[in-house]
Every structure is written in structure tokens, then in C-alpha cells.
Amino acid sequence: MPERRLPGKPVGIVIRGVHYIPLDEVAALVNRSRQTLWRWRKAGSIPPGHRDRKGRVLFTPDEVDAIRAYELQVEPIGVGRDQQLRLFNGDVPEIQSGGNQ
């Protein structure tokens, strides 16, 4: 009997006991296009995933969590390249509030 697809629950496939989620399904989960995920993979911003013998790109649930974390990142406008690298490495400076911005 085929697995039923539940809202918000990826079905994926199991290969040798490891659960994988296809790229199309990951794109739907993070509300991004396949092309965007391809660019992020190429840039090294998200895990590269795995490819099965049929050529499908697959991700483990932990890799999907990393993709979700990347997709939710925000950065201040106007920061320099060095500051951006610090932000993406988790070194987030305190934001000082004051007046209207």
C-alpha cells in the first residue's frame, strides 16, 4: 500500500534504512523554487544532498533542517563582506535601538 502524503509531513523515501526527502518536496517545504535550491547548493550555502541511481537529488531530515535554517536567515542592509561572513558564522552583533530608522 503506498504511503499517504500528510500536510506538512514529508513522505520521502527510505534507502538502506536512511530516510531521504526529494528536492521537489524540500522546495515545497521551504517555499522556494528548485532553481533557488540549486543556486544555494552551488554556492555552498546549504548541504549538497545526495543523488540516487535515478538521478534524483535527496536530502536527509537533518539536511532539510539546515536548509530551513538558511532560508530563515536575515541580515542587516549595508553590512560589509567581513561582517556578512561573521553573521553567517553565527557571530550576531547586538542591535542598538534608538530613534526612528
C-alpha atoms as a PDB file:
ATOM      1  CA  MET A   1       0.000   0.000   0.000  1.00  0.00           C
ATOM      2  CA  PRO A   2       1.527   3.404  -0.950  1.00  0.00           C
ATOM      3  CA  GLU A   3       2.221   5.945   1.795  1.00  0.00           C
ATOM      4  CA  ARG A   4      -0.290   8.771   2.132  1.00  0.00           C
ATOM      5  CA  ARG A   5       1.062  12.303   1.958  1.00  0.00           C
ATOM      6  CA  LEU A   6       0.063  14.258   5.062  1.00  0.00           C
ATOM      7  CA  PRO A   7       0.080  18.065   5.125  1.00  0.00           C
ATOM      8  CA  GLY A   8       3.394  19.302   6.499  1.00  0.00           C
ATOM      9  CA  LYS A   9       4.801  15.787   6.771  1.00  0.00           C
ATOM     10  CA  PRO A  10       7.318  14.880   4.077  1.00  0.00           C
ATOM     11  CA  VAL A  11       6.958  11.348   2.785  1.00  0.00           C
ATOM     12  CA  GLY A  12      10.314  10.875   1.105  1.00  0.00           C
ATOM     13  CA  ILE A  13      11.910   7.510   0.532  1.00  0.00           C
ATOM     14  CA  VAL A  14      13.968   5.087   2.584  1.00  0.00           C
ATOM     15  CA  ILE A  15      17.160   3.664   1.108  1.00  0.00           C
ATOM     16  CA  ARG A  16      19.111   1.138   3.187  1.00  0.00           C
ATOM     17  CA  GLY A  17      17.381   2.337   6.331  1.00  0.00           C
ATOM     18  CA  VAL A  18      18.092   6.042   5.738  1.00  0.00           C
ATOM     19  CA  HIS A  19      15.151   8.410   5.202  1.00  0.00           C
ATOM     20  CA  TYR A  20      15.595  10.882   2.332  1.00  0.00           C
ATOM     21  CA  ILE A  21      13.370  13.706   1.106  1.00  0.00           C
ATOM     22  CA  PRO A  22      13.407  14.579  -2.629  1.00  0.00           C
ATOM     23  CA  LEU A  23      14.428  18.067  -3.746  1.00  0.00           C
ATOM     24  CA  ASP A  24      10.925  18.869  -5.063  1.00  0.00           C
ATOM     25  CA  GLU A  25       9.429  18.144  -1.679  1.00  0.00           C
ATOM     26  CA  VAL A  26      12.110  20.167   0.138  1.00  0.00           C
ATOM     27  CA  ALA A  27      11.457  23.115  -2.211  1.00  0.00           C
ATOM     28  CA  ALA A  28       7.754  22.950  -1.296  1.00  0.00           C
ATOM     29  CA  LEU A  29       8.550  22.722   2.434  1.00  0.00           C
ATOM     30  CA  VAL A  30      10.670  25.885   2.398  1.00  0.00           C
ATOM     31  CA  ASN A  31       8.508  27.637  -0.200  1.00  0.00           C
ATOM     32  CA  ARG A  32      11.382  28.137  -2.627  1.00  0.00           C
ATOM     33  CA  SER A  33      11.881  27.065  -6.229  1.00  0.00           C
ATOM     34  CA  ARG A  34      14.047  24.174  -7.334  1.00  0.00           C
ATOM     35  CA  GLN A  35      16.268  26.735  -9.056  1.00  0.00           C
ATOM     36  CA  THR A  36      16.798  28.639  -5.811  1.00  0.00           C
ATOM     37  CA  LEU A  37      17.792  25.461  -4.003  1.00  0.00           C
ATOM     38  CA  TRP A  38      20.146  24.629  -6.888  1.00  0.00           C
ATOM     39  CA  ARG A  39      21.810  28.073  -6.577  1.00  0.00           C
ATOM     40  CA  TRP A  40      22.128  27.693  -2.806  1.00  0.00           C
ATOM     41  CA  ARG A  41      23.666  24.237  -3.274  1.00  0.00           C
ATOM     42  CA  LYS A  42      26.092  25.526  -5.900  1.00  0.00           C
ATOM     43  CA  ALA A  43      27.124  28.424  -3.633  1.00  0.00           C
ATOM     44  CA  GLY A  44      27.706  26.015  -0.732  1.00  0.00           C
ATOM     45  CA  SER A  45      25.083  27.776   1.395  1.00  0.00           C
ATOM     46  CA  ILE A  46      23.114  24.588   2.031  1.00  0.00           C
ATOM     47  CA  PRO A  47      24.109  20.916   2.125  1.00  0.00           C
ATOM     48  CA  PRO A  48      24.682  19.429  -1.336  1.00  0.00           C
ATOM     49  CA  GLY A  49      22.396  16.477  -0.623  1.00  0.00           C
ATOM     50  CA  HIS A  50      22.712  13.053  -2.202  1.00  0.00           C
ATOM     51  CA  ARG A  51      21.934  11.636  -5.631  1.00  0.00           C
ATOM     52  CA  ASP A  52      20.376   8.228  -6.127  1.00  0.00           C
ATOM     53  CA  ARG A  53      20.829   5.972  -9.157  1.00  0.00           C
ATOM     54  CA  LYS A  54      17.798   7.554 -10.819  1.00  0.00           C
ATOM     55  CA  GLY A  55      19.492  10.960 -10.635  1.00  0.00           C
ATOM     56  CA  ARG A  56      17.141  12.400  -8.004  1.00  0.00           C
ATOM     57  CA  VAL A  57      18.608  14.864  -5.506  1.00  0.00           C
ATOM     58  CA  LEU A  58      17.725  13.774  -1.978  1.00  0.00           C
ATOM     59  CA  PHE A  59      18.213  15.290   1.479  1.00  0.00           C
ATOM     60  CA  THR A  60      18.207  13.750   4.941  1.00  0.00           C
ATOM     61  CA  PRO A  61      15.891  15.289   7.570  1.00  0.00           C
ATOM     62  CA  ASP A  62      18.940  16.927   9.240  1.00  0.00           C
ATOM     63  CA  GLU A  63      19.915  18.491   5.907  1.00  0.00           C
ATOM     64  CA  VAL A  64      16.346  19.766   5.485  1.00  0.00           C
ATOM     65  CA  ASP A  65      16.633  21.391   8.926  1.00  0.00           C
ATOM     66  CA  ALA A  66      19.843  23.123   7.780  1.00  0.00           C
ATOM     67  CA  ILE A  67      18.079  24.328   4.619  1.00  0.00           C
ATOM     68  CA  ARG A  68      15.192  25.687   6.706  1.00  0.00           C
ATOM     69  CA  ALA A  69      17.657  27.487   8.990  1.00  0.00           C
ATOM     70  CA  TYR A  70      19.407  29.052   5.989  1.00  0.00           C
ATOM     71  CA  GLU A  71      16.092  30.023   4.399  1.00  0.00           C
ATOM     72  CA  LEU A  72      15.079  31.891   7.580  1.00  0.00           C
ATOM     73  CA  GLN A  73      18.319  33.887   7.966  1.00  0.00           C
ATOM     74  CA  VAL A  74      18.123  37.640   7.784  1.00  0.00           C
ATOM     75  CA  GLU A  75      20.938  40.145   7.599  1.00  0.00           C
ATOM     76  CA  PRO A  76      21.123  43.873   8.084  1.00  0.00           C
ATOM     77  CA  ILE A  77      21.286  46.013   4.987  1.00  0.00           C
ATOM     78  CA  GLY A  78      24.562  47.762   4.290  1.00  0.00           C
ATOM     79  CA  VAL A  79      26.954  45.487   6.128  1.00  0.00           C
ATOM     80  CA  GLY A  80      30.351  44.839   4.614  1.00  0.00           C
ATOM     81  CA  ARG A  81      31.543  41.479   3.346  1.00  0.00           C
ATOM     82  CA  ASP A  82      33.537  40.737   6.521  1.00  0.00           C
ATOM     83  CA  GLN A  83      30.507  41.484   8.670  1.00  0.00           C
ATOM     84  CA  GLN A  84      28.314  39.270   6.476  1.00  0.00           C
ATOM     85  CA  LEU A  85      30.698  36.354   6.944  1.00  0.00           C
ATOM     86  CA  ARG A  86      30.587  36.870  10.716  1.00  0.00           C
ATOM     87  CA  LEU A  87      26.778  36.931  10.613  1.00  0.00           C
ATOM     88  CA  PHE A  88      26.550  33.691   8.639  1.00  0.00           C
ATOM     89  CA  ASN A  89      29.018  32.052  11.011  1.00  0.00           C
ATOM     90  CA  GLY A  90      26.681  32.842  13.923  1.00  0.00           C
ATOM     91  CA  ASP A  91      28.517  35.883  15.330  1.00  0.00           C
ATOM     92  CA  VAL A  92      25.485  38.158  15.568  1.00  0.00           C
ATOM     93  CA  PRO A  93      26.193  41.631  16.962  1.00  0.00           C
ATOM     94  CA  GLU A  94      23.749  43.287  19.318  1.00  0.00           C
ATOM     95  CA  ILE A  95      21.421  45.661  17.535  1.00  0.00           C
ATOM     96  CA  GLN A  96      21.163  49.012  19.253  1.00  0.00           C
ATOM     97  CA  SER A  97      17.795  50.646  19.000  1.00  0.00           C
ATOM     98  CA  GLY A  98      17.326  54.330  19.005  1.00  0.00           C
ATOM     99  CA  GLY A  99      15.113  56.830  17.293  1.00  0.00           C
ATOM    100  CA  ASN A 100      13.327  56.235  14.025  1.00  0.00           C
ATOM    101  CA  GLN A 101      15.095  54.242  11.384  1.00  0.00           C
END
